[in-house]
Amino acid sequence: QVQLVESGGGLVQPGGSLELSCEASRDITSFNVMGWYRQAPGKQRELGAVIHTGGVKNYANFVQGRFILSRDIAYHSVYLQMNSLEPGDTAVYYCNAREGPREYWGQGTQVTVGQ
């Protein structure tokens, strides 16, 4: 079993930045995909940004160049640098990893964009 622990959420003003971190409880080189999803109130969970084993990254359309996903294998971690945040980015952000048929989720971290 793998634990994913997120950190870095919080309250930020529109136009501000936050960096989310996700640390896995063990080596992540066996993960096929790792990254971030989000779920806003009353909406379905949606993909934000993921990185594949070979380093290819996929970003959701709503990112529009504002978010940067990175990975540090030595620290078993992925990071999501979020810039130019908008109220519409308010959601719980979840770390996700897939390893063959297995899928792992973190507990989520709240991001709130407002005054």
N, C-alpha and C. Protein backbone atom coordinates (compact mmCIF):
# COMPACT_ATOMS: atom_id res chain seq x y z
N GLN A 1 0.84 -1.19 0.00
CA GLN A 1 0.00 0.00 0.00
C GLN A 1 0.88 1.24 0.00
N VAL A 2 0.39 2.28 -0.63
CA VAL A 2 1.13 3.54 -0.73
C VAL A 2 0.31 4.65 -0.12
N GLN A 3 0.93 5.46 0.68
CA GLN A 3 0.29 6.67 1.21
C GLN A 3 0.81 7.87 0.44
N LEU A 4 -0.12 8.74 0.07
CA LEU A 4 0.22 10.01 -0.57
C LEU A 4 -0.20 11.13 0.36
N VAL A 5 0.72 11.99 0.70
CA VAL A 5 0.44 13.06 1.65
C VAL A 5 0.63 14.41 0.96
N GLU A 6 -0.46 15.16 0.88
CA GLU A 6 -0.41 16.48 0.24
C GLU A 6 -0.18 17.57 1.27
N SER A 7 0.38 18.66 0.82
CA SER A 7 0.53 19.85 1.65
C SER A 7 0.61 21.07 0.73
N GLY A 8 0.43 22.24 1.34
CA GLY A 8 0.61 23.48 0.59
C GLY A 8 -0.65 24.23 0.24
N GLY A 9 -1.80 23.66 0.55
CA GLY A 9 -3.03 24.39 0.26
C GLY A 9 -3.23 25.55 1.22
N GLY A 10 -4.27 26.33 0.95
CA GLY A 10 -4.56 27.46 1.81
C GLY A 10 -5.42 28.49 1.11
N LEU A 11 -5.48 29.66 1.71
CA LEU A 11 -6.25 30.78 1.18
C LEU A 11 -5.31 31.75 0.48
N VAL A 12 -5.67 32.15 -0.72
CA VAL A 12 -4.83 33.07 -1.48
C VAL A 12 -5.73 34.06 -2.22
N GLN A 13 -5.24 35.25 -2.43
CA GLN A 13 -6.01 36.25 -3.16
C GLN A 13 -5.95 35.97 -4.66
N PRO A 14 -6.96 36.42 -5.40
CA PRO A 14 -6.91 36.28 -6.86
C PRO A 14 -5.62 36.86 -7.42
N GLY A 15 -5.03 36.14 -8.36
CA GLY A 15 -3.76 36.56 -8.92
C GLY A 15 -2.55 36.03 -8.18
N GLY A 16 -2.78 35.43 -7.02
CA GLY A 16 -1.69 34.92 -6.21
C GLY A 16 -1.22 33.54 -6.64
N SER A 17 -0.27 33.00 -5.87
CA SER A 17 0.35 31.72 -6.18
C SER A 17 0.37 30.81 -4.96
N LEU A 18 0.35 29.53 -5.24
CA LEU A 18 0.54 28.50 -4.22
C LEU A 18 1.32 27.36 -4.85
N GLU A 19 2.07 26.64 -4.02
CA GLU A 19 2.71 25.42 -4.48
C GLU A 19 2.23 24.25 -3.63
N LEU A 20 1.68 23.26 -4.31
CA LEU A 20 1.24 22.04 -3.64
C LEU A 20 2.33 20.99 -3.74
N SER A 21 2.46 20.21 -2.68
CA SER A 21 3.42 19.12 -2.65
C SER A 21 2.71 17.82 -2.34
N CYS A 22 3.20 16.74 -2.91
CA CYS A 22 2.67 15.40 -2.64
C CYS A 22 3.85 14.47 -2.47
N GLU A 23 3.94 13.89 -1.30
CA GLU A 23 5.03 12.96 -1.02
C GLU A 23 4.46 11.56 -0.86
N ALA A 24 5.04 10.62 -1.58
CA ALA A 24 4.64 9.22 -1.47
C ALA A 24 5.46 8.53 -0.38
N SER A 25 4.88 7.46 0.16
CA SER A 25 5.52 6.76 1.28
C SER A 25 6.66 5.85 0.82
N ARG A 26 6.83 5.72 -0.49
CA ARG A 26 7.95 4.93 -1.00
C ARG A 26 8.33 5.41 -2.39
N ASP A 27 9.30 4.73 -2.95
CA ASP A 27 9.81 5.05 -4.27
C ASP A 27 8.69 5.13 -5.31
N ILE A 28 8.79 6.13 -6.21
CA ILE A 28 7.72 6.37 -7.17
C ILE A 28 8.08 5.95 -8.59
N THR A 29 9.24 5.35 -8.78
CA THR A 29 9.66 5.03 -10.14
C THR A 29 8.79 3.95 -10.78
N SER A 30 8.05 3.20 -9.97
CA SER A 30 7.17 2.18 -10.52
C SER A 30 5.79 2.73 -10.88
N PHE A 31 5.55 3.99 -10.59
CA PHE A 31 4.26 4.59 -10.91
C PHE A 31 4.17 4.90 -12.40
N ASN A 32 3.09 4.49 -13.03
CA ASN A 32 2.89 4.79 -14.44
C ASN A 32 2.57 6.27 -14.64
N VAL A 33 1.77 6.80 -13.71
CA VAL A 33 1.33 8.19 -13.79
C VAL A 33 1.23 8.72 -12.37
N MET A 34 1.54 9.99 -12.21
CA MET A 34 1.38 10.63 -10.90
C MET A 34 1.04 12.09 -11.13
N GLY A 35 0.14 12.62 -10.30
CA GLY A 35 -0.19 14.03 -10.50
C GLY A 35 -1.34 14.49 -9.65
N TRP A 36 -2.08 15.46 -10.18
CA TRP A 36 -3.08 16.18 -9.39
C TRP A 36 -4.44 16.22 -10.08
N TYR A 37 -5.45 16.00 -9.27
CA TYR A 37 -6.83 16.20 -9.65
C TYR A 37 -7.42 17.24 -8.69
N ARG A 38 -8.59 17.76 -9.06
CA ARG A 38 -9.26 18.67 -8.15
C ARG A 38 -10.76 18.46 -8.19
N GLN A 39 -11.43 18.84 -7.11
CA GLN A 39 -12.88 18.73 -7.04
C GLN A 39 -13.44 19.97 -6.36
N ALA A 40 -14.19 20.73 -7.13
CA ALA A 40 -14.85 21.92 -6.61
C ALA A 40 -16.21 21.52 -6.03
N PRO A 41 -16.76 22.34 -5.13
CA PRO A 41 -18.06 22.01 -4.54
C PRO A 41 -19.12 21.80 -5.59
N GLY A 42 -19.84 20.69 -5.49
CA GLY A 42 -20.93 20.40 -6.41
C GLY A 42 -20.50 19.94 -7.79
N LYS A 43 -19.20 19.72 -7.97
CA LYS A 43 -18.71 19.30 -9.28
C LYS A 43 -17.96 17.98 -9.18
N GLN A 44 -17.78 17.34 -10.32
CA GLN A 44 -17.03 16.09 -10.35
C GLN A 44 -15.54 16.36 -10.24
N ARG A 45 -14.84 15.36 -9.78
CA ARG A 45 -13.39 15.45 -9.73
C ARG A 45 -12.85 15.49 -11.16
N GLU A 46 -11.85 16.35 -11.37
CA GLU A 46 -11.30 16.49 -12.71
C GLU A 46 -9.78 16.50 -12.66
N LEU A 47 -9.20 16.06 -13.77
CA LEU A 47 -7.75 16.05 -13.87
C LEU A 47 -7.22 17.47 -13.96
N GLY A 48 -6.08 17.70 -13.26
CA GLY A 48 -5.41 18.98 -13.34
C GLY A 48 -4.12 18.87 -14.13
N ALA A 49 -3.22 18.03 -13.65
CA ALA A 49 -1.93 17.85 -14.32
C ALA A 49 -1.33 16.53 -13.87
N VAL A 50 -0.78 15.77 -14.81
CA VAL A 50 -0.15 14.50 -14.47
C VAL A 50 1.16 14.36 -15.23
N ILE A 51 2.04 13.53 -14.67
CA ILE A 51 3.30 13.23 -15.34
C ILE A 51 3.42 11.72 -15.48
N HIS A 52 3.84 11.29 -16.66
CA HIS A 52 3.96 9.88 -16.94
C HIS A 52 5.39 9.41 -16.64
N THR A 53 5.58 8.10 -16.65
CA THR A 53 6.86 7.52 -16.28
C THR A 53 8.02 8.15 -17.02
N GLY A 54 7.87 8.36 -18.31
CA GLY A 54 8.96 8.90 -19.12
C GLY A 54 9.14 10.39 -19.00
N GLY A 55 8.29 11.03 -18.22
CA GLY A 55 8.42 12.47 -18.02
C GLY A 55 7.46 13.32 -18.81
N VAL A 56 6.64 12.70 -19.65
CA VAL A 56 5.65 13.46 -20.41
C VAL A 56 4.57 13.98 -19.46
N LYS A 57 4.21 15.23 -19.64
CA LYS A 57 3.20 15.84 -18.78
C LYS A 57 1.95 16.16 -19.57
N ASN A 58 0.82 16.03 -18.91
CA ASN A 58 -0.47 16.42 -19.47
C ASN A 58 -1.12 17.42 -18.54
N TYR A 59 -1.63 18.50 -19.12
CA TYR A 59 -2.32 19.53 -18.35
C TYR A 59 -3.76 19.66 -18.85
N ALA A 60 -4.67 19.94 -17.91
CA ALA A 60 -6.04 20.20 -18.30
C ALA A 60 -6.13 21.53 -19.03
N ASN A 61 -7.17 21.68 -19.82
CA ASN A 61 -7.34 22.92 -20.58
C ASN A 61 -7.44 24.14 -19.68
N PHE A 62 -8.04 23.98 -18.51
CA PHE A 62 -8.25 25.15 -17.64
C PHE A 62 -6.93 25.69 -17.08
N VAL A 63 -5.86 24.90 -17.15
CA VAL A 63 -4.58 25.36 -16.63
C VAL A 63 -4.06 26.55 -17.43
N GLN A 64 -4.16 26.49 -18.75
CA GLN A 64 -3.81 27.61 -19.63
C GLN A 64 -2.45 28.21 -19.30
N GLY A 65 -1.47 27.38 -19.05
CA GLY A 65 -0.11 27.85 -18.82
C GLY A 65 0.15 28.41 -17.43
N ARG A 66 -0.84 28.35 -16.54
CA ARG A 66 -0.68 28.95 -15.22
C ARG A 66 -0.03 28.02 -14.20
N PHE A 67 -0.14 26.72 -14.40
CA PHE A 67 0.36 25.74 -13.44
C PHE A 67 1.57 25.01 -14.02
N ILE A 68 2.50 24.65 -13.15
CA ILE A 68 3.68 23.89 -13.56
C ILE A 68 3.81 22.67 -12.67
N LEU A 69 3.83 21.51 -13.30
CA LEU A 69 3.97 20.24 -12.57
C LEU A 69 5.43 19.81 -12.63
N SER A 70 5.96 19.37 -11.49
CA SER A 70 7.33 18.86 -11.47
C SER A 70 7.39 17.63 -10.58
N ARG A 71 8.50 16.91 -10.73
CA ARG A 71 8.66 15.65 -10.00
C ARG A 71 10.09 15.57 -9.48
N ASP A 72 10.23 15.08 -8.27
CA ASP A 72 11.55 14.82 -7.70
C ASP A 72 11.56 13.37 -7.22
N ILE A 73 12.15 12.51 -8.02
CA ILE A 73 12.14 11.08 -7.69
C ILE A 73 12.87 10.80 -6.40
N ALA A 74 13.95 11.51 -6.15
CA ALA A 74 14.74 11.28 -4.94
C ALA A 74 13.93 11.52 -3.68
N TYR A 75 12.98 12.46 -3.76
CA TYR A 75 12.15 12.80 -2.61
C TYR A 75 10.76 12.18 -2.71
N HIS A 76 10.56 11.26 -3.68
CA HIS A 76 9.28 10.55 -3.83
C HIS A 76 8.12 11.54 -3.97
N SER A 77 8.35 12.63 -4.66
CA SER A 77 7.38 13.73 -4.62
C SER A 77 7.05 14.31 -5.98
N VAL A 78 5.85 14.87 -6.06
CA VAL A 78 5.47 15.73 -7.17
C VAL A 78 4.98 17.04 -6.60
N TYR A 79 5.11 18.08 -7.42
CA TYR A 79 4.76 19.42 -6.98
C TYR A 79 3.90 20.08 -8.05
N LEU A 80 3.02 20.98 -7.61
CA LEU A 80 2.21 21.74 -8.55
C LEU A 80 2.33 23.21 -8.19
N GLN A 81 3.07 23.94 -8.97
CA GLN A 81 3.19 25.38 -8.80
C GLN A 81 2.01 26.02 -9.52
N MET A 82 1.18 26.73 -8.77
CA MET A 82 -0.02 27.34 -9.33
C MET A 82 0.12 28.86 -9.27
N ASN A 83 0.05 29.49 -10.41
CA ASN A 83 0.18 30.94 -10.52
C ASN A 83 -1.10 31.54 -11.09
N SER A 84 -1.24 32.84 -10.93
CA SER A 84 -2.41 33.57 -11.47
C SER A 84 -3.71 32.88 -11.08
N LEU A 85 -3.81 32.54 -9.82
CA LEU A 85 -4.99 31.81 -9.35
C LEU A 85 -6.25 32.66 -9.44
N GLU A 86 -7.34 31.98 -9.77
CA GLU A 86 -8.64 32.62 -9.95
C GLU A 86 -9.64 31.99 -8.98
N PRO A 87 -10.73 32.70 -8.68
CA PRO A 87 -11.74 32.11 -7.79
C PRO A 87 -12.22 30.75 -8.28
N GLY A 88 -12.25 30.55 -9.59
CA GLY A 88 -12.68 29.27 -10.15
C GLY A 88 -11.72 28.13 -9.87
N ASP A 89 -10.55 28.43 -9.35
CA ASP A 89 -9.60 27.38 -8.98
C ASP A 89 -9.86 26.85 -7.57
N THR A 90 -10.80 27.44 -6.87
CA THR A 90 -11.14 26.97 -5.53
C THR A 90 -11.65 25.54 -5.59
N ALA A 91 -10.99 24.65 -4.84
CA ALA A 91 -11.33 23.23 -4.87
C ALA A 91 -10.47 22.50 -3.86
N VAL A 92 -10.81 21.24 -3.65
CA VAL A 92 -9.91 20.34 -2.94
C VAL A 92 -9.02 19.68 -4.00
N TYR A 93 -7.73 19.76 -3.80
CA TYR A 93 -6.76 19.20 -4.75
C TYR A 93 -6.24 17.88 -4.19
N TYR A 94 -6.32 16.84 -5.04
CA TYR A 94 -5.94 15.50 -4.63
C TYR A 94 -4.73 15.02 -5.43
N CYS A 95 -3.80 14.43 -4.71
CA CYS A 95 -2.69 13.75 -5.37
C CYS A 95 -3.14 12.36 -5.78
N ASN A 96 -2.69 11.92 -6.95
CA ASN A 96 -3.09 10.63 -7.49
C ASN A 96 -1.88 9.92 -8.08
N ALA A 97 -1.85 8.62 -7.92
CA ALA A 97 -0.79 7.82 -8.54
C ALA A 97 -1.38 6.50 -9.01
N ARG A 98 -0.87 6.02 -10.12
CA ARG A 98 -1.30 4.74 -10.66
C ARG A 98 -0.08 3.85 -10.87
N GLU A 99 -0.24 2.61 -10.43
CA GLU A 99 0.84 1.64 -10.51
C GLU A 99 0.24 0.35 -11.04
N GLY A 100 0.35 0.12 -12.33
CA GLY A 100 -0.32 -1.02 -12.92
C GLY A 100 -1.82 -0.89 -12.70
N PRO A 101 -2.47 -1.93 -12.14
CA PRO A 101 -3.92 -1.86 -11.91
C PRO A 101 -4.30 -1.09 -10.65
N ARG A 102 -3.33 -0.69 -9.86
CA ARG A 102 -3.62 -0.03 -8.60
C ARG A 102 -3.65 1.49 -8.77
N GLU A 103 -4.52 2.09 -7.99
CA GLU A 103 -4.65 3.55 -7.99
C GLU A 103 -4.66 4.04 -6.55
N TYR A 104 -3.92 5.08 -6.30
CA TYR A 104 -3.80 5.63 -4.95
C TYR A 104 -4.22 7.09 -4.95
N TRP A 105 -4.84 7.51 -3.83
CA TRP A 105 -5.27 8.90 -3.66
C TRP A 105 -4.77 9.43 -2.33
N GLY A 106 -4.43 10.70 -2.32
CA GLY A 106 -4.17 11.37 -1.07
C GLY A 106 -5.47 11.83 -0.43
N GLN A 107 -5.35 12.44 0.73
CA GLN A 107 -6.55 12.86 1.46
C GLN A 107 -7.09 14.20 0.97
N GLY A 108 -6.30 14.90 0.17
CA GLY A 108 -6.74 16.18 -0.38
C GLY A 108 -6.28 17.37 0.44
N THR A 109 -6.07 18.46 -0.26
CA THR A 109 -5.72 19.72 0.41
C THR A 109 -6.57 20.84 -0.19
N GLN A 110 -7.14 21.67 0.68
CA GLN A 110 -8.07 22.71 0.23
C GLN A 110 -7.32 23.92 -0.30
N VAL A 111 -7.72 24.37 -1.46
CA VAL A 111 -7.23 25.63 -2.04
C VAL A 111 -8.42 26.55 -2.20
N THR A 112 -8.33 27.72 -1.59
CA THR A 112 -9.40 28.70 -1.67
C THR A 112 -8.85 30.00 -2.22
N VAL A 113 -9.43 30.48 -3.30
CA VAL A 113 -8.98 31.72 -3.93
C VAL A 113 -10.06 32.77 -3.72
N GLY A 114 -9.75 33.76 -2.91
CA GLY A 114 -10.72 34.80 -2.62
C GLY A 114 -10.11 35.90 -1.78
N GLN A 115 -10.94 36.90 -1.49
CA GLN A 115 -10.44 38.03 -0.70
C GLN A 115 -10.35 37.66 0.76
